[in-house]
PDB file of N, CA and C in Angstrom:
ATOM      1  N   TYR A   1      24.981 -17.490 -39.677  1.00  0.00           N
ATOM      2  CA  TYR A   1      24.916 -16.291 -40.475  1.00  0.00           C
ATOM      3  C   TYR A   1      25.100 -16.639 -41.943  1.00  0.00           C
ATOM      4  N   SER A   2      24.703 -15.733 -42.775  1.00  0.00           N
ATOM      5  CA  SER A   2      24.744 -15.928 -44.219  1.00  0.00           C
ATOM      6  C   SER A   2      26.105 -15.529 -44.778  1.00  0.00           C
ATOM      7  N   GLN A   3      26.596 -16.293 -45.761  1.00  0.00           N
ATOM      8  CA  GLN A   3      27.854 -15.960 -46.426  1.00  0.00           C
ATOM      9  C   GLN A   3      27.654 -14.892 -47.496  1.00  0.00           C
ATOM     10  N   HIS A   4      26.422 -14.769 -47.977  1.00  0.00           N
ATOM     11  CA  HIS A   4      26.124 -13.779 -49.012  1.00  0.00           C
ATOM     12  C   HIS A   4      26.250 -12.380 -48.415  1.00  0.00           C
ATOM     13  N   ASN A   5      26.885 -11.459 -49.101  1.00  0.00           N
ATOM     14  CA  ASN A   5      27.185 -10.104 -48.601  1.00  0.00           C
ATOM     15  C   ASN A   5      27.992 -10.179 -47.300  1.00  0.00           C
ATOM     16  N   TYR A   6      28.987 -11.056 -47.319  1.00  0.00           N
ATOM     17  CA  TYR A   6      29.761 -11.379 -46.119  1.00  0.00           C
ATOM     18  C   TYR A   6      30.362 -10.153 -45.436  1.00  0.00           C
ATOM     19  N   LYS A   7      30.797  -9.180 -46.206  1.00  0.00           N
ATOM     20  CA  LYS A   7      31.416  -7.979 -45.623  1.00  0.00           C
ATOM     21  C   LYS A   7      30.481  -7.323 -44.608  1.00  0.00           C
ATOM     22  N   TYR A   8      29.207  -7.241 -44.958  1.00  0.00           N
ATOM     23  CA  TYR A   8      28.224  -6.617 -44.073  1.00  0.00           C
ATOM     24  C   TYR A   8      27.788  -7.563 -42.955  1.00  0.00           C
ATOM     25  N   VAL A   9      27.630  -8.826 -43.307  1.00  0.00           N
ATOM     26  CA  VAL A   9      27.224  -9.829 -42.317  1.00  0.00           C
ATOM     27  C   VAL A   9      28.295  -9.974 -41.242  1.00  0.00           C
ATOM     28  N   LYS A  10      29.557  -9.927 -41.636  1.00  0.00           N
ATOM     29  CA  LYS A  10      30.672 -10.055 -40.682  1.00  0.00           C
ATOM     30  C   LYS A  10      30.624  -8.934 -39.643  1.00  0.00           C
ATOM     31  N   THR A  11      30.342  -7.717 -40.084  1.00  0.00           N
ATOM     32  CA  THR A  11      30.247  -6.584 -39.162  1.00  0.00           C
ATOM     33  C   THR A  11      29.116  -6.808 -38.161  1.00  0.00           C
ATOM     34  N   LEU A  12      27.964  -7.242 -38.647  1.00  0.00           N
ATOM     35  CA  LEU A  12      26.830  -7.510 -37.758  1.00  0.00           C
ATOM     36  C   LEU A  12      27.140  -8.657 -36.796  1.00  0.00           C
ATOM     37  N   THR A  13      27.731  -9.717 -37.322  1.00  0.00           N
ATOM     38  CA  THR A  13      28.068 -10.881 -36.502  1.00  0.00           C
ATOM     39  C   THR A  13      29.070 -10.510 -35.407  1.00  0.00           C
ATOM     40  N   ASP A  14      30.074  -9.757 -35.760  1.00  0.00           N
ATOM     41  CA  ASP A  14      31.071  -9.326 -34.770  1.00  0.00           C
ATOM     42  C   ASP A  14      30.426  -8.477 -33.678  1.00  0.00           C
ATOM     43  N   THR A  15      29.491  -7.622 -34.060  1.00  0.00           N
ATOM     44  CA  THR A  15      28.802  -6.766 -33.084  1.00  0.00           C
ATOM     45  C   THR A  15      27.938  -7.596 -32.136  1.00  0.00           C
ATOM     46  N   VAL A  16      27.221  -8.570 -32.683  1.00  0.00           N
ATOM     47  CA  VAL A  16      26.399  -9.454 -31.847  1.00  0.00           C
ATOM     48  C   VAL A  16      27.292 -10.238 -30.887  1.00  0.00           C
ATOM     49  N   TYR A  17      28.376 -10.796 -31.397  1.00  0.00           N
ATOM     50  CA  TYR A  17      29.311 -11.563 -30.574  1.00  0.00           C
ATOM     51  C   TYR A  17      29.863 -10.706 -29.430  1.00  0.00           C
ATOM     52  N   LYS A  18      30.306  -9.500 -29.777  1.00  0.00           N
ATOM     53  CA  LYS A  18      30.879  -8.596 -28.772  1.00  0.00           C
ATOM     54  C   LYS A  18      29.834  -8.228 -27.718  1.00  0.00           C
ATOM     55  N   THR A  19      28.618  -7.944 -28.145  1.00  0.00           N
ATOM     56  CA  THR A  19      27.551  -7.579 -27.208  1.00  0.00           C
ATOM     57  C   THR A  19      27.215  -8.740 -26.281  1.00  0.00           C
ATOM     58  N   LEU A  20      27.070  -9.944 -26.843  1.00  0.00           N
ATOM     59  CA  LEU A  20      26.775 -11.108 -26.014  1.00  0.00           C
ATOM     60  C   LEU A  20      27.880 -11.341 -24.987  1.00  0.00           C
ATOM     61  N   ASN A  21      29.119 -11.189 -25.426  1.00  0.00           N
ATOM     62  CA  ASN A  21      30.264 -11.441 -24.563  1.00  0.00           C
ATOM     63  C   ASN A  21      30.463 -10.357 -23.511  1.00  0.00           C
ATOM     64  N   GLU A  22      30.477  -9.104 -23.924  1.00  0.00           N
ATOM     65  CA  GLU A  22      30.817  -8.015 -23.008  1.00  0.00           C
ATOM     66  C   GLU A  22      29.637  -7.520 -22.174  1.00  0.00           C
ATOM     67  N   LYS A  23      28.470  -7.396 -22.782  1.00  0.00           N
ATOM     68  CA  LYS A  23      27.323  -6.846 -22.057  1.00  0.00           C
ATOM     69  C   LYS A  23      26.559  -7.911 -21.277  1.00  0.00           C
ATOM     70  N   TYR A  24      26.425  -9.099 -21.874  1.00  0.00           N
ATOM     71  CA  TYR A  24      25.626 -10.154 -21.232  1.00  0.00           C
ATOM     72  C   TYR A  24      26.471 -11.277 -20.645  1.00  0.00           C
ATOM     73  N   HIS A  25      27.794 -11.149 -20.741  1.00  0.00           N
ATOM     74  CA  HIS A  25      28.750 -12.070 -20.136  1.00  0.00           C
ATOM     75  C   HIS A  25      28.566 -13.525 -20.585  1.00  0.00           C
ATOM     76  N   VAL A  26      28.214 -13.705 -21.850  1.00  0.00           N
ATOM     77  CA  VAL A  26      28.139 -15.041 -22.424  1.00  0.00           C
ATOM     78  C   VAL A  26      29.560 -15.473 -22.752  1.00  0.00           C
ATOM     79  N   LYS A  27      29.931 -16.654 -22.282  1.00  0.00           N
ATOM     80  CA  LYS A  27      31.284 -17.142 -22.531  1.00  0.00           C
ATOM     81  C   LYS A  27      31.462 -17.468 -24.014  1.00  0.00           C
ATOM     82  N   PRO A  28      32.623 -17.132 -24.576  1.00  0.00           N
ATOM     83  CA  PRO A  28      32.873 -17.418 -25.992  1.00  0.00           C
ATOM     84  C   PRO A  28      32.620 -18.876 -26.367  1.00  0.00           C
ATOM     85  N   LYS A  29      32.926 -19.809 -25.473  1.00  0.00           N
ATOM     86  CA  LYS A  29      32.725 -21.238 -25.786  1.00  0.00           C
ATOM     87  C   LYS A  29      31.239 -21.578 -25.928  1.00  0.00           C
ATOM     88  N   ASN A  30      30.367 -20.702 -25.418  1.00  0.00           N
ATOM     89  CA  ASN A  30      28.930 -20.942 -25.512  1.00  0.00           C
ATOM     90  C   ASN A  30      28.270 -20.235 -26.695  1.00  0.00           C
ATOM     91  N   ILE A  31      29.070 -19.575 -27.510  1.00  0.00           N
ATOM     92  CA  ILE A  31      28.551 -18.911 -28.707  1.00  0.00           C
ATOM     93  C   ILE A  31      29.001 -19.720 -29.913  1.00  0.00           C
ATOM     94  N   LEU A  32      28.059 -20.323 -30.594  1.00  0.00           N
ATOM     95  CA  LEU A  32      28.371 -21.168 -31.742  1.00  0.00           C
ATOM     96  C   LEU A  32      27.986 -20.448 -33.030  1.00  0.00           C
ATOM     97  N   HIS A  33      28.821 -20.583 -34.052  1.00  0.00           N
ATOM     98  CA  HIS A  33      28.580 -19.938 -35.349  1.00  0.00           C
ATOM     99  C   HIS A  33      28.286 -21.019 -36.388  1.00  0.00           C
ATOM    100  N   TYR A  34      27.260 -20.809 -37.166  1.00  0.00           N
ATOM    101  CA  TYR A  34      26.948 -21.675 -38.302  1.00  0.00           C
ATOM    102  C   TYR A  34      26.749 -20.784 -39.512  1.00  0.00           C
ATOM    103  N   THR A  35      27.306 -21.188 -40.629  1.00  0.00           N
ATOM    104  CA  THR A  35      27.150 -20.386 -41.842  1.00  0.00           C
ATOM    105  C   THR A  35      26.257 -21.116 -42.839  1.00  0.00           C
ATOM    106  N   VAL A  36      25.538 -20.331 -43.608  1.00  0.00           N
ATOM    107  CA  VAL A  36      24.701 -20.842 -44.696  1.00  0.00           C
ATOM    108  C   VAL A  36      25.030 -20.028 -45.946  1.00  0.00           C
ATOM    109  N   PRO A  37      24.718 -20.554 -47.138  1.00  0.00           N
ATOM    110  CA  PRO A  37      25.075 -19.829 -48.362  1.00  0.00           C
ATOM    111  C   PRO A  37      24.399 -18.468 -48.498  1.00  0.00           C
ATOM    112  N   GLY A  38      23.131 -18.381 -48.157  1.00  0.00           N
ATOM    113  CA  GLY A  38      22.393 -17.125 -48.314  1.00  0.00           C
ATOM    114  C   GLY A  38      21.322 -16.991 -47.252  1.00  0.00           C
ATOM    115  N   VAL A  39      20.614 -15.865 -47.272  1.00  0.00           N
ATOM    116  CA  VAL A  39      19.615 -15.605 -46.235  1.00  0.00           C
ATOM    117  C   VAL A  39      18.448 -16.586 -46.295  1.00  0.00           C
ATOM    118  N   TYR A  40      18.159 -17.100 -47.468  1.00  0.00           N
ATOM    119  CA  TYR A  40      17.005 -17.987 -47.622  1.00  0.00           C
ATOM    120  C   TYR A  40      17.150 -19.273 -46.810  1.00  0.00           C
ATOM    121  N   GLU A  41      18.379 -19.678 -46.533  1.00  0.00           N
ATOM    122  CA  GLU A  41      18.629 -20.901 -45.757  1.00  0.00           C
ATOM    123  C   GLU A  41      18.605 -20.681 -44.249  1.00  0.00           C
ATOM    124  N   LEU A  42      18.515 -19.440 -43.798  1.00  0.00           N
ATOM    125  CA  LEU A  42      18.545 -19.156 -42.357  1.00  0.00           C
ATOM    126  C   LEU A  42      17.415 -19.833 -41.573  1.00  0.00           C
ATOM    127  N   PRO A  43      16.146 -19.738 -41.991  1.00  0.00           N
ATOM    128  CA  PRO A  43      15.072 -20.364 -41.204  1.00  0.00           C
ATOM    129  C   PRO A  43      15.235 -21.878 -41.066  1.00  0.00           C
ATOM    130  N   PHE A  44      15.568 -22.560 -42.163  1.00  0.00           N
ATOM    131  CA  PHE A  44      15.737 -24.011 -42.111  1.00  0.00           C
ATOM    132  C   PHE A  44      16.864 -24.389 -41.157  1.00  0.00           C
ATOM    133  N   THR A  45      17.987 -23.692 -41.258  1.00  0.00           N
ATOM    134  CA  THR A  45      19.138 -24.011 -40.412  1.00  0.00           C
ATOM    135  C   THR A  45      18.824 -23.740 -38.947  1.00  0.00           C
ATOM    136  N   ALA A  46      18.169 -22.627 -38.650  1.00  0.00           N
ATOM    137  CA  ALA A  46      17.791 -22.314 -37.264  1.00  0.00           C
ATOM    138  C   ALA A  46      16.859 -23.396 -36.718  1.00  0.00           C
ATOM    139  N   HIS A  47      15.872 -23.781 -37.505  1.00  0.00           N
ATOM    140  CA  HIS A  47      14.924 -24.830 -37.102  1.00  0.00           C
ATOM    141  C   HIS A  47      15.663 -26.153 -36.844  1.00  0.00           C
ATOM    142  N   HIS A  48      16.573 -26.483 -37.743  1.00  0.00           N
ATOM    143  CA  HIS A  48      17.356 -27.708 -37.622  1.00  0.00           C
ATOM    144  C   HIS A  48      18.219 -27.698 -36.349  1.00  0.00           C
ATOM    145  N   LEU A  49      18.891 -26.580 -36.076  1.00  0.00           N
ATOM    146  CA  LEU A  49      19.738 -26.482 -34.880  1.00  0.00           C
ATOM    147  C   LEU A  49      18.920 -26.597 -33.597  1.00  0.00           C
ATOM    148  N   ILE A  50      17.744 -25.981 -33.584  1.00  0.00           N
ATOM    149  CA  ILE A  50      16.871 -26.064 -32.408  1.00  0.00           C
ATOM    150  C   ILE A  50      16.417 -27.503 -32.187  1.00  0.00           C
ATOM    151  N   ASN A  51      16.036 -28.183 -33.255  1.00  0.00           N
ATOM    152  CA  ASN A  51      15.595 -29.576 -33.126  1.00  0.00           C
ATOM    153  C   ASN A  51      16.708 -30.492 -32.639  1.00  0.00           C
ATOM    154  N   ILE A  52      17.920 -30.280 -33.143  1.00  0.00           N
ATOM    155  CA  ILE A  52      19.063 -31.082 -32.686  1.00  0.00           C
ATOM    156  C   ILE A  52      19.293 -30.855 -31.193  1.00  0.00           C
ATOM    157  N   ALA A  53      19.274 -29.582 -30.771  1.00  0.00           N
ATOM    158  CA  ALA A  53      19.496 -29.263 -29.359  1.00  0.00           C
ATOM    159  C   ALA A  53      18.424 -29.906 -28.478  1.00  0.00           C
ATOM    160  N   LYS A  54      17.171 -29.839 -28.898  1.00  0.00           N
ATOM    161  CA  LYS A  54      16.084 -30.445 -28.123  1.00  0.00           C
ATOM    162  C   LYS A  54      16.241 -31.956 -28.064  1.00  0.00           C
ATOM    163  N   TYR A  55      16.538 -32.575 -29.197  1.00  0.00           N
ATOM    164  CA  TYR A  55      16.675 -34.025 -29.277  1.00  0.00           C
ATOM    165  C   TYR A  55      17.829 -34.524 -28.414  1.00  0.00           C
ATOM    166  N   GLN A  56      18.927 -33.781 -28.381  1.00  0.00           N
ATOM    167  CA  GLN A  56      20.106 -34.185 -27.617  1.00  0.00           C
ATOM    168  C   GLN A  56      20.121 -33.601 -26.209  1.00  0.00           C
ATOM    169  N   ASN A  57      19.036 -32.934 -25.827  1.00  0.00           N
ATOM    170  CA  ASN A  57      18.932 -32.330 -24.492  1.00  0.00           C
ATOM    171  C   ASN A  57      20.043 -31.321 -24.224  1.00  0.00           C
ATOM    172  N   ILE A  58      20.373 -30.519 -25.208  1.00  0.00           N
ATOM    173  CA  ILE A  58      21.408 -29.492 -25.074  1.00  0.00           C
ATOM    174  C   ILE A  58      20.707 -28.159 -24.812  1.00  0.00           C
ATOM    175  N   PRO A  59      20.952 -27.555 -23.656  1.00  0.00           N
ATOM    176  CA  PRO A  59      20.282 -26.280 -23.364  1.00  0.00           C
ATOM    177  C   PRO A  59      20.843 -25.134 -24.216  1.00  0.00           C
ATOM    178  N   PHE A  60      19.976 -24.229 -24.591  1.00  0.00           N
ATOM    179  CA  PHE A  60      20.394 -23.024 -25.297  1.00  0.00           C
ATOM    180  C   PHE A  60      19.397 -21.926 -24.959  1.00  0.00           C
ATOM    181  N   ASP A  61      19.831 -20.681 -25.092  1.00  0.00           N
ATOM    182  CA  ASP A  61      18.976 -19.543 -24.774  1.00  0.00           C
ATOM    183  C   ASP A  61      18.459 -18.821 -26.006  1.00  0.00           C
ATOM    184  N   ALA A  62      19.203 -18.875 -27.094  1.00  0.00           N
ATOM    185  CA  ALA A  62      18.783 -18.102 -28.264  1.00  0.00           C
ATOM    186  C   ALA A  62      19.436 -18.623 -29.531  1.00  0.00           C
ATOM    187  N   VAL A  63      18.764 -18.348 -30.644  1.00  0.00           N
ATOM    188  CA  VAL A  63      19.332 -18.542 -31.970  1.00  0.00           C
ATOM    189  C   VAL A  63      19.197 -17.196 -32.669  1.00  0.00           C
ATOM    190  N   VAL A  64      20.310 -16.666 -33.137  1.00  0.00           N
ATOM    191  CA  VAL A  64      20.314 -15.361 -33.806  1.00  0.00           C
ATOM    192  C   VAL A  64      20.617 -15.581 -35.283  1.00  0.00           C
ATOM    193  N   CYS A  65      19.700 -15.159 -36.137  1.00  0.00           N
ATOM    194  CA  CYS A  65      19.886 -15.281 -37.588  1.00  0.00           C
ATOM    195  C   CYS A  65      20.349 -13.937 -38.145  1.00  0.00           C
ATOM    196  N   ILE A  66      21.456 -13.959 -38.886  1.00  0.00           N
ATOM    197  CA  ILE A  66      22.010 -12.716 -39.432  1.00  0.00           C
ATOM    198  C   ILE A  66      22.234 -12.883 -40.931  1.00  0.00           C
ATOM    199  N   GLY A  67      21.648 -11.980 -41.711  1.00  0.00           N
ATOM    200  CA  GLY A  67      21.823 -11.979 -43.154  1.00  0.00           C
ATOM    201  C   GLY A  67      21.560 -10.586 -43.699  1.00  0.00           C
ATOM    202  N   VAL A  68      22.064 -10.298 -44.889  1.00  0.00           N
ATOM    203  CA  VAL A  68      21.913  -8.981 -45.498  1.00  0.00           C
ATOM    204  C   VAL A  68      21.491  -9.137 -46.955  1.00  0.00           C
ATOM    205  N   LEU A  69      20.464  -8.393 -47.338  1.00  0.00           N
ATOM    206  CA  LEU A  69      20.084  -8.258 -48.749  1.00  0.00           C
ATOM    207  C   LEU A  69      20.475  -6.855 -49.174  1.00  0.00           C
ATOM    208  N   LYS A  70      21.188  -6.737 -50.270  1.00  0.00           N
ATOM    209  CA  LYS A  70      21.749  -5.447 -50.675  1.00  0.00           C
ATOM    210  C   LYS A  70      21.417  -5.160 -52.131  1.00  0.00           C
ATOM    211  N   LEU A  71      21.067  -3.914 -52.410  1.00  0.00           N
ATOM    212  CA  LEU A  71      20.852  -3.474 -53.787  1.00  0.00           C
ATOM    213  C   LEU A  71      22.178  -3.026 -54.389  1.00  0.00           C
ATOM    214  N   ASN A  72      22.425  -3.396 -55.635  1.00  0.00           N
ATOM    215  CA  ASN A  72      23.609  -2.917 -56.353  1.00  0.00           C
ATOM    216  C   ASN A  72      23.194  -1.762 -57.247  1.00  0.00           C
ATOM    217  N   ASN A  73      24.018  -0.756 -57.363  1.00  0.00           N
ATOM    218  CA  ASN A  73      23.693   0.448 -58.134  1.00  0.00           C
ATOM    219  C   ASN A  73      23.411   0.173 -59.605  1.00  0.00           C
ATOM    220  N   TYR A  74      24.048  -0.816 -60.191  1.00  0.00           N
ATOM    221  CA  TYR A  74      23.931  -1.048 -61.626  1.00  0.00           C
ATOM    222  C   TYR A  74      22.730  -1.898 -62.012  1.00  0.00           C
ATOM    223  N   GLU A  75      22.002  -2.417 -61.042  1.00  0.00           N
ATOM    224  CA  GLU A  75      20.865  -3.279 -61.352  1.00  0.00           C
ATOM    225  C   GLU A  75      19.582  -2.476 -61.453  1.00  0.00           C
ATOM    226  N   ASN A  76      18.582  -3.073 -62.060  1.00  0.00           N
ATOM    227  CA  ASN A  76      17.262  -2.459 -62.132  1.00  0.00           C
ATOM    228  C   ASN A  76      16.714  -2.382 -60.710  1.00  0.00           C
ATOM    229  N   VAL A  77      16.724  -1.196 -60.137  1.00  0.00           N
ATOM    230  CA  VAL A  77      16.406  -1.018 -58.718  1.00  0.00           C
ATOM    231  C   VAL A  77      14.990  -1.478 -58.391  1.00  0.00           C
ATOM    232  N   GLN A  78      14.006  -1.150 -59.213  1.00  0.00           N
ATOM    233  CA  GLN A  78      12.627  -1.522 -58.898  1.00  0.00           C
ATOM    234  C   GLN A  78      12.446  -3.044 -58.856  1.00  0.00           C
ATOM    235  N   ASN A  79      12.980  -3.750 -59.842  1.00  0.00           N
ATOM    236  CA  ASN A  79      12.876  -5.213 -59.856  1.00  0.00           C
ATOM    237  C   ASN A  79      13.650  -5.829 -58.700  1.00  0.00           C
ATOM    238  N   LYS A  80      14.811  -5.252 -58.400  1.00  0.00           N
ATOM    239  CA  LYS A  80      15.638  -5.772 -57.308  1.00  0.00           C
ATOM    240  C   LYS A  80      14.936  -5.569 -55.964  1.00  0.00           C
ATOM    241  N   LYS A  81      14.275  -4.406 -55.781  1.00  0.00           N
ATOM    242  CA  LYS A  81      13.541  -4.153 -54.542  1.00  0.00           C
ATOM    243  C   LYS A  81      12.434  -5.176 -54.364  1.00  0.00           C
ATOM    244  N   THR A  82      11.704  -5.474 -55.448  1.00  0.00           N
ATOM    245  CA  THR A  82      10.629  -6.459 -55.375  1.00  0.00           C
ATOM    246  C   THR A  82      11.180  -7.829 -55.000  1.00  0.00           C
ATOM    247  N   THR A  83      12.271  -8.219 -55.635  1.00  0.00           N
ATOM    248  CA  THR A  83      12.899  -9.507 -55.324  1.00  0.00           C
ATOM    249  C   THR A  83      13.364  -9.536 -53.876  1.00  0.00           C
ATOM    250  N   ASN A  84      14.050  -8.493 -53.424  1.00  0.00           N
ATOM    251  CA  ASN A  84      14.520  -8.438 -52.041  1.00  0.00           C
ATOM    252  C   ASN A  84      13.353  -8.459 -51.060  1.00  0.00           C
ATOM    253  N   ASN A  85      12.271  -7.752 -51.378  1.00  0.00           N
ATOM    254  CA  ASN A  85      11.096  -7.767 -50.498  1.00  0.00           C
ATOM    255  C   ASN A  85      10.513  -9.174 -50.403  1.00  0.00           C
ATOM    256  N   ASN A  86      10.435  -9.876 -51.525  1.00  0.00           N
ATOM    257  CA  ASN A  86       9.910 -11.241 -51.521  1.00  0.00           C
ATOM    258  C   ASN A  86      10.791 -12.174 -50.701  1.00  0.00           C
ATOM    259  N   ILE A  87      12.093 -12.057 -50.885  1.00  0.00           N
ATOM    260  CA  ILE A  87      13.029 -12.896 -50.129  1.00  0.00           C
ATOM    261  C   ILE A  87      12.950 -12.560 -48.648  1.00  0.00           C
ATOM    262  N   SER A  88      12.996 -11.279 -48.293  1.00  0.00           N
ATOM    263  CA  SER A  88      12.972 -10.899 -46.874  1.00  0.00           C
ATOM    264  C   SER A  88      11.656 -11.310 -46.220  1.00  0.00           C
ATOM    265  N   ASP A  89      10.537 -11.193 -46.939  1.00  0.00           N
ATOM    266  CA  ASP A  89       9.250 -11.649 -46.395  1.00  0.00           C
ATOM    267  C   ASP A  89       9.265 -13.151 -46.139  1.00  0.00           C
ATOM    268  N   SER A  90       9.775 -13.909 -47.095  1.00  0.00           N
ATOM    269  CA  SER A  90       9.840 -15.376 -46.945  1.00  0.00           C
ATOM    270  C   SER A  90      10.717 -15.768 -45.766  1.00  0.00           C
ATOM    271  N   VAL A  91      11.868 -15.137 -45.664  1.00  0.00           N
ATOM    272  CA  VAL A  91      12.806 -15.457 -44.569  1.00  0.00           C
ATOM    273  C   VAL A  91      12.193 -15.066 -43.220  1.00  0.00           C
ATOM    274  N   ALA A  92      11.605 -13.890 -43.138  1.00  0.00           N
ATOM    275  CA  ALA A  92      10.994 -13.443 -41.869  1.00  0.00           C
ATOM    276  C   ALA A  92       9.860 -14.381 -41.451  1.00  0.00           C
ATOM    277  N   HIS A  93       9.022 -14.756 -42.392  1.00  0.00           N
ATOM    278  CA  HIS A  93       7.911 -15.673 -42.075  1.00  0.00           C
ATOM    279  C   HIS A  93       8.449 -17.038 -41.659  1.00  0.00           C
ATOM    280  N   GLY A  94       9.501 -17.508 -42.341  1.00  0.00           N
ATOM    281  CA  GLY A  94      10.105 -18.777 -41.979  1.00  0.00           C
ATOM    282  C   GLY A  94      10.687 -18.759 -40.580  1.00  0.00           C
ATOM    283  N   ILE A  95      11.337 -17.675 -40.211  1.00  0.00           N
ATOM    284  CA  ILE A  95      11.909 -17.563 -38.867  1.00  0.00           C
ATOM    285  C   ILE A  95      10.794 -17.491 -37.811  1.00  0.00           C
ATOM    286  N   MET A  96       9.726 -16.757 -38.119  1.00  0.00           N
ATOM    287  CA  MET A  96       8.623 -16.641 -37.155  1.00  0.00           C
ATOM    288  C   MET A  96       7.902 -17.967 -36.946  1.00  0.00           C
ATOM    289  N   LYS A  97       7.903 -18.851 -37.914  1.00  0.00           N
ATOM    290  CA  LYS A  97       7.223 -20.147 -37.809  1.00  0.00           C
ATOM    291  C   LYS A  97       7.998 -21.171 -36.992  1.00  0.00           C
ATOM    292  N   ILE A  98       9.248 -20.908 -36.721  1.00  0.00           N
ATOM    293  CA  ILE A  98      10.116 -21.894 -36.066  1.00  0.00           C
ATOM    294  C   ILE A  98       9.586 -22.317 -34.703  1.00  0.00           C
ATOM    295  N   ILE A  99       9.134 -21.367 -33.934  1.00  0.00           N
ATOM    296  CA  ILE A  99       8.753 -21.695 -32.546  1.00  0.00           C
ATOM    297  C   ILE A  99       7.400 -22.309 -32.450  1.00  0.00           C
TER     298      ILE A  99
END
């Protein structure tokens, strides 16, 4: 998960963890957390973790990428929206290319 906007990312991460554990009965020891500085690093890190698991013959079922882009009230909203759209598009395309 991303450290940027951690307050929001933490809530999402906790919800995913709880759902995996309680609803799907995934053991806590089988849920691994990796942090990256921002959302832009999520695709590279996910790709890297998958390659390590494949190379070392470590089975896994999923990689969940969690990050938040947030607008601040005091910033130029139109420019910030464009920047966030560009970042979110890049990250989404990067994640889709992994497989």
